[in-house]
């Protein structure tokens, strides 16, 4: 069995009772297989009670197999033109994700020895996949990464969950001569007063500011701070205008539906790969509150095939 590991994943569930129609939805080939999958993830959960029409260029073709949960079809032969679909799909919404995951991929085997043959012979019939995911979360944290360059940059991440973290602001003031580095926190506003020299120029490096923030209890109640990627913190940080953190998300849903769609990202060494499919969380019922699972490690298995694609 092949094992893949990644650090980013998302869990989606159906949020609408009625499906929506779509025409001419683009599909892309899955590797060198005869499977084709919709390129728009928002239109990937198909309504199996409605007709699906597949086109190779302008010619209608009949798929050998349809995976409604992933918006994928298997054709009898490789397409000669662009593959598109007319279909109905359900709206889905993200309800959470995991901080890390591993997936085991394998094949279900079937005995195929001939009558009277004493040797046991097995052949693969269906792919299967299962895995374990760690650190379930139900929100995306607000954050701010400066773009000053020259080893000056810091990343500020909210400790306040979800959209509420967008209320947090950071400002760095450079004022006065021979002033010390200090931190002030008022409500959700963090003000950094950079140290200055006798000429009034800033002297506090990004590393100095990180250390000062980490030593301030009020600031640490609101944010986490780290040197930004590619910054060693040796550069003088300088002034920063009053700026809010951004990107906080509160995911919809309090309880899981029966069908969940898992999307798992991992690095193949050549590109970022997206593995997706319908999953079932083990030892988790539809009565389980989503918030009860925060921080937990959960085993899961794919119901049907899992599909890989770049991006």
Protein backbone atom coordinates (compact mmCIF):
# COMPACT_ATOMS: atom_id res chain seq x y z
CA UNK A 1 0.00 0.00 0.00
CA UNK A 2 1.20 3.51 -0.81
CA UNK A 3 1.18 6.05 1.98
CA UNK A 4 0.97 9.79 1.44
CA UNK A 5 1.26 12.51 4.05
CA UNK A 6 0.22 16.14 4.03
CA UNK A 7 -0.41 19.13 6.28
CA UNK A 8 -3.54 20.71 4.80
CA UNK A 9 -7.03 19.28 4.33
CA UNK A 10 -10.66 20.35 4.27
CA UNK A 11 -13.99 18.67 4.99
CA UNK A 12 -17.17 19.69 3.13
CA UNK A 13 -20.82 18.72 3.43
CA UNK A 14 -23.99 19.38 1.45
CA UNK A 15 -25.78 22.59 2.41
CA UNK A 16 -28.68 22.73 -0.04
CA UNK A 17 -31.62 20.37 -0.38
CA UNK A 18 -32.21 21.24 -4.04
CA UNK A 19 -29.60 20.81 -6.77
CA UNK A 20 -28.61 23.43 -9.34
CA UNK A 21 -28.19 22.92 -13.08
CA UNK A 22 -24.93 23.57 -14.94
CA UNK A 23 -24.06 23.27 -18.62
CA UNK A 24 -20.70 23.00 -20.32
CA UNK A 25 -18.77 22.36 -17.10
CA UNK A 26 -15.12 21.70 -18.01
CA UNK A 27 -13.55 18.36 -17.06
CA UNK A 28 -9.91 17.29 -16.94
CA UNK A 29 -8.30 13.89 -17.37
CA UNK A 30 -7.02 12.12 -14.25
CA UNK A 31 -3.45 11.27 -15.17
CA UNK A 32 -3.33 8.76 -18.03
CA UNK A 33 -6.52 6.98 -16.94
CA UNK A 34 -9.85 7.13 -18.73
CA UNK A 35 -11.34 9.06 -15.82
CA UNK A 36 -12.28 12.72 -16.24
CA UNK A 37 -13.18 14.99 -13.31
CA UNK A 38 -14.74 18.46 -13.16
CA UNK A 39 -12.19 21.23 -12.80
CA UNK A 40 -14.48 23.37 -10.61
CA UNK A 41 -14.59 21.96 -7.07
CA UNK A 42 -17.79 23.91 -6.36
CA UNK A 43 -19.63 21.84 -9.00
CA UNK A 44 -18.20 18.45 -8.07
CA UNK A 45 -21.03 16.99 -5.94
CA UNK A 46 -23.49 15.76 -8.56
CA UNK A 47 -27.18 14.97 -8.09
CA UNK A 48 -27.51 11.30 -9.06
CA UNK A 49 -31.29 11.61 -9.45
CA UNK A 50 -30.78 13.91 -12.46
CA UNK A 51 -29.54 13.10 -15.97
CA UNK A 52 -25.85 13.64 -16.74
CA UNK A 53 -24.75 14.37 -20.32
CA UNK A 54 -21.06 14.14 -21.24
CA UNK A 55 -19.51 15.61 -24.39
CA UNK A 56 -16.23 14.87 -26.16
CA UNK A 57 -15.91 18.13 -28.05
CA UNK A 58 -19.43 18.52 -29.51
CA UNK A 59 -20.16 14.79 -29.58
CA UNK A 60 -22.26 13.27 -26.81
CA UNK A 61 -20.61 10.19 -25.28
CA UNK A 62 -21.90 7.62 -22.82
CA UNK A 63 -19.65 7.16 -19.79
CA UNK A 64 -18.80 3.67 -18.61
CA UNK A 65 -19.02 4.78 -14.99
CA UNK A 66 -20.08 7.92 -13.08
CA UNK A 67 -18.78 8.98 -9.67
CA UNK A 68 -21.44 11.45 -8.56
CA UNK A 69 -19.66 12.41 -5.34
CA UNK A 70 -16.58 13.70 -7.16
CA UNK A 71 -18.08 14.88 -10.44
CA UNK A 72 -16.09 12.29 -12.37
CA UNK A 73 -16.75 9.91 -15.28
CA UNK A 74 -14.89 7.01 -16.84
CA UNK A 75 -15.02 6.96 -20.64
CA UNK A 76 -14.64 3.94 -22.91
CA UNK A 77 -11.68 5.58 -24.68
CA UNK A 78 -9.53 8.66 -24.32
CA UNK A 79 -11.32 11.80 -25.48
CA UNK A 80 -10.19 13.46 -28.68
CA UNK A 81 -11.59 16.86 -27.72
CA UNK A 82 -12.41 18.88 -24.64
CA UNK A 83 -14.63 16.98 -22.21
CA UNK A 84 -17.58 18.87 -20.70
CA UNK A 85 -20.67 17.96 -18.71
CA UNK A 86 -24.28 19.10 -18.44
CA UNK A 87 -25.37 18.13 -14.95
CA UNK A 88 -26.98 19.09 -11.65
CA UNK A 89 -24.91 19.67 -8.52
CA UNK A 90 -25.44 20.38 -4.84
CA UNK A 91 -23.93 23.32 -3.01
CA UNK A 92 -21.42 22.31 -0.36
CA UNK A 93 -19.75 24.24 2.44
CA UNK A 94 -16.58 23.65 4.38
CA UNK A 95 -17.22 22.50 7.94
CA UNK A 96 -13.64 22.02 9.03
CA UNK A 97 -10.30 20.52 8.23
CA UNK A 98 -7.21 18.85 9.69
CA UNK A 99 -3.72 20.12 10.48
CA UNK A 100 -2.04 16.92 9.27
CA UNK A 101 -3.04 13.65 7.63
CA UNK A 102 -1.79 10.38 6.20
CA UNK A 103 -3.56 8.23 3.62
CA UNK A 104 -2.98 4.56 2.82
CA UNK A 105 -3.91 3.61 -0.75
CA UNK A 106 -4.36 0.02 -1.84
CA UNK A 107 -6.54 -2.41 -3.78
CA UNK A 108 -9.30 -4.81 -2.80
CA UNK A 109 -8.25 -8.27 -4.02
CA UNK A 110 -10.41 -11.08 -5.36
CA UNK A 111 -9.48 -14.76 -5.61
CA UNK A 112 -9.47 -15.85 -9.22
CA UNK A 113 -7.92 -19.34 -9.25
CA UNK A 114 -9.33 -21.72 -11.82
CA UNK A 115 -11.41 -24.72 -10.76
CA UNK A 116 -9.14 -27.55 -9.68
CA UNK A 117 -6.12 -25.29 -9.35
CA UNK A 118 -4.67 -25.64 -5.85
CA UNK A 119 -2.72 -22.38 -6.11
CA UNK A 120 -4.36 -19.29 -4.63
CA UNK A 121 -4.35 -16.46 -7.15
CA UNK A 122 -5.69 -12.98 -6.45
CA UNK A 123 -6.22 -10.02 -8.72
CA UNK A 124 -6.99 -6.39 -7.85
CA UNK A 125 -10.57 -5.32 -8.47
CA UNK A 126 -11.22 -1.98 -6.73
CA UNK A 127 -8.98 0.70 -5.25
CA UNK A 128 -9.43 1.52 -1.59
CA UNK A 129 -8.05 4.19 0.69
CA UNK A 130 -8.18 5.01 4.36
CA UNK A 131 -6.24 7.22 6.68
CA UNK A 132 -5.79 9.18 9.86
CA UNK A 133 -6.04 12.93 10.33
CA UNK A 134 -4.88 15.05 13.26
CA UNK A 135 -5.89 18.39 14.76
CA UNK A 136 -9.46 18.85 13.51
CA UNK A 137 -10.40 22.54 13.26
CA UNK A 138 -13.64 24.39 12.51
CA UNK A 139 -12.28 27.87 11.79
CA UNK A 140 -9.51 29.60 9.85
CA UNK A 141 -7.42 32.02 11.90
CA UNK A 142 -7.00 35.65 10.87
CA UNK A 143 -3.43 36.66 10.08
CA UNK A 144 -1.18 39.43 8.83
CA UNK A 145 2.23 39.05 7.20
CA UNK A 146 4.19 42.20 6.50
CA UNK A 147 6.01 42.67 3.21
CA UNK A 148 8.92 44.94 4.10
CA UNK A 149 11.68 42.67 2.80
CA UNK A 150 15.34 42.71 3.91
CA UNK A 151 14.73 40.33 6.87
CA UNK A 152 12.24 42.74 8.46
CA UNK A 153 9.01 40.76 8.15
CA UNK A 154 6.76 39.23 10.80
CA UNK A 155 3.61 37.12 10.70
CA UNK A 156 0.88 37.88 13.23
CA UNK A 157 -1.79 35.17 13.73
CA UNK A 158 -4.96 35.57 15.77
CA UNK A 159 -5.59 33.47 18.86
CA UNK A 160 -9.24 34.54 18.61
CA UNK A 161 -11.00 31.95 16.47
CA UNK A 162 -12.64 32.64 13.15
CA UNK A 163 -13.98 35.93 11.78
CA UNK A 164 -13.73 37.63 15.19
CA UNK A 165 -9.94 37.63 14.76
CA UNK A 166 -10.30 40.19 11.95
CA UNK A 167 -11.02 42.78 14.66
CA UNK A 168 -7.42 42.58 15.89
CA UNK A 169 -5.09 45.30 14.63
CA UNK A 170 -1.34 45.88 14.78
CA UNK A 171 0.49 49.20 14.49
CA UNK A 172 4.14 50.13 14.92
CA UNK A 173 4.93 53.74 15.84
CA UNK A 174 8.35 55.37 15.40
CA UNK A 175 8.41 58.59 17.41
CA UNK A 176 10.79 60.57 19.61
CA UNK A 177 14.51 60.36 20.28
CA UNK A 178 16.25 57.68 22.36
CA UNK A 179 12.96 55.94 23.17
CA UNK A 180 12.75 52.31 24.41
CA UNK A 181 10.85 49.51 22.72
CA UNK A 182 7.43 49.03 24.34
CA UNK A 183 4.05 47.39 23.73
CA UNK A 184 0.58 48.77 24.43
CA UNK A 185 -2.71 46.86 24.10
CA UNK A 186 -6.14 48.50 24.17
CA UNK A 187 -9.09 46.19 23.51
CA UNK A 188 -8.15 44.48 20.19
CA UNK A 189 -5.57 47.07 19.12
CA UNK A 190 -1.87 46.27 19.59
CA UNK A 191 0.52 49.21 19.33
CA UNK A 192 4.27 48.64 19.13
CA UNK A 193 6.48 51.61 19.98
CA UNK A 194 9.82 51.01 18.27
CA UNK A 195 13.03 51.92 20.04
CA UNK A 196 14.76 54.93 18.47
CA UNK A 197 18.23 56.45 18.44
CA UNK A 198 19.28 60.01 19.12
CA UNK A 199 18.17 61.05 15.64
CA UNK A 200 14.69 59.53 16.03
CA UNK A 201 15.36 56.62 13.68
CA UNK A 202 13.93 53.20 14.51
CA UNK A 203 16.39 50.67 15.92
CA UNK A 204 14.13 47.72 16.88
CA UNK A 205 14.63 44.70 14.62
CA UNK A 206 11.84 42.31 13.69
CA UNK A 207 13.36 39.82 16.12
CA UNK A 208 13.34 42.46 18.90
CA UNK A 209 9.67 43.16 18.28
CA UNK A 210 8.78 39.47 18.22
CA UNK A 211 10.51 38.96 21.57
CA UNK A 212 8.81 42.02 23.10
CA UNK A 213 5.38 40.86 21.96
CA UNK A 214 5.98 37.36 23.31
CA UNK A 215 6.86 38.87 26.69
CA UNK A 216 3.61 40.86 26.83
CA UNK A 217 0.69 38.86 28.29
CA UNK A 218 -2.01 41.12 26.86
CA UNK A 219 -0.60 40.89 23.34
CA UNK A 220 -0.16 37.12 23.60
CA UNK A 221 -3.82 36.77 24.60
CA UNK A 222 -4.71 38.12 21.15
CA UNK A 223 -2.01 36.92 18.75
CA UNK A 224 0.89 34.62 18.01
CA UNK A 225 3.91 36.19 16.31
CA UNK A 226 6.69 34.62 14.27
CA UNK A 227 9.40 35.59 11.82
CA UNK A 228 7.87 35.49 8.35
CA UNK A 229 9.07 32.87 5.88
CA UNK A 230 12.43 33.94 4.48
CA UNK A 231 13.06 36.51 7.22
CA UNK A 232 15.73 35.98 9.87
CA UNK A 233 14.45 39.02 11.79
CA UNK A 234 17.73 40.96 11.66
CA UNK A 235 16.29 43.92 9.74
CA UNK A 236 14.98 47.04 11.48
CA UNK A 237 11.20 46.71 11.37
CA UNK A 238 10.30 50.42 11.10
CA UNK A 239 6.83 51.95 11.09
CA UNK A 240 3.64 50.03 10.34
CA UNK A 241 0.33 51.83 9.89
CA UNK A 242 -2.74 50.66 11.78
CA UNK A 243 -3.55 47.34 10.02
CA UNK A 244 -6.16 44.70 10.81
CA UNK A 245 -5.55 40.99 10.59
CA UNK A 246 -7.68 39.38 7.88
CA UNK A 247 -8.91 36.09 6.47
CA UNK A 248 -10.73 34.68 9.48
CA UNK A 249 -13.45 32.14 8.61
CA UNK A 250 -16.25 30.54 10.60
CA UNK A 251 -17.31 27.34 8.86
CA UNK A 252 -20.99 26.48 8.53
CA UNK A 253 -22.68 23.57 10.24
CA UNK A 254 -23.00 22.22 13.75
CA UNK A 255 -23.49 18.54 12.96
CA UNK A 256 -22.25 16.37 10.12
CA UNK A 257 -24.50 15.08 7.36
CA UNK A 258 -24.13 11.47 6.21
CA UNK A 259 -22.07 12.37 3.13
CA UNK A 260 -18.78 14.18 3.69
CA UNK A 261 -16.28 15.18 1.03
CA UNK A 262 -12.62 15.13 2.03
CA UNK A 263 -9.98 17.15 0.20
CA UNK A 264 -6.37 16.39 1.17
CA UNK A 265 -3.30 18.21 -0.12
CA UNK A 266 0.21 16.75 -0.27
CA UNK A 267 3.50 17.43 -2.00
CA UNK A 268 4.55 14.81 -4.56
CA UNK A 269 7.98 16.39 -4.87
CA UNK A 270 7.09 17.71 -8.30
CA UNK A 271 3.80 19.49 -7.58
CA UNK A 272 1.02 20.01 -5.06
CA UNK A 273 -1.48 17.14 -5.34
CA UNK A 274 -5.14 17.29 -4.33
CA UNK A 275 -6.68 13.94 -3.29
CA UNK A 276 -10.47 14.04 -2.89
CA UNK A 277 -13.43 11.75 -2.42
CA UNK A 278 -16.39 10.90 -0.21
CA UNK A 279 -15.23 9.89 3.25
CA UNK A 280 -16.69 8.38 6.37
CA UNK A 281 -15.30 9.36 9.77
CA UNK A 282 -14.88 6.29 11.94
CA UNK A 283 -16.59 6.25 15.35
CA UNK A 284 -18.30 9.58 14.56
CA UNK A 285 -22.09 9.63 14.14
CA UNK A 286 -24.28 12.27 12.48
CA UNK A 287 -25.39 13.22 16.00
CA UNK A 288 -21.86 14.25 16.98
CA UNK A 289 -21.37 18.00 17.30
CA UNK A 290 -18.70 19.32 14.94
CA UNK A 291 -17.19 21.34 17.79
CA UNK A 292 -16.78 18.21 19.92
CA UNK A 293 -14.11 17.03 17.48
CA UNK A 294 -11.88 20.14 17.60
CA UNK A 295 -8.25 19.14 18.13
CA UNK A 296 -8.99 15.41 17.86
CA UNK A 297 -7.26 12.74 15.79
CA UNK A 298 -9.79 10.88 13.64
CA UNK A 299 -9.57 7.79 11.44
CA UNK A 300 -11.44 7.87 8.15
CA UNK A 301 -12.01 5.79 5.05
CA UNK A 302 -12.95 6.67 1.49
CA UNK A 303 -16.33 5.45 0.27
CA UNK A 304 -15.51 4.67 -3.33
CA UNK A 305 -12.45 5.84 -5.25
CA UNK A 306 -10.15 8.68 -4.23
CA UNK A 307 -8.98 10.92 -7.07
CA UNK A 308 -5.66 12.75 -7.40
CA UNK A 309 -5.10 15.92 -9.39
CA UNK A 310 -2.58 18.74 -9.38
CA UNK A 311 -3.36 22.06 -7.70
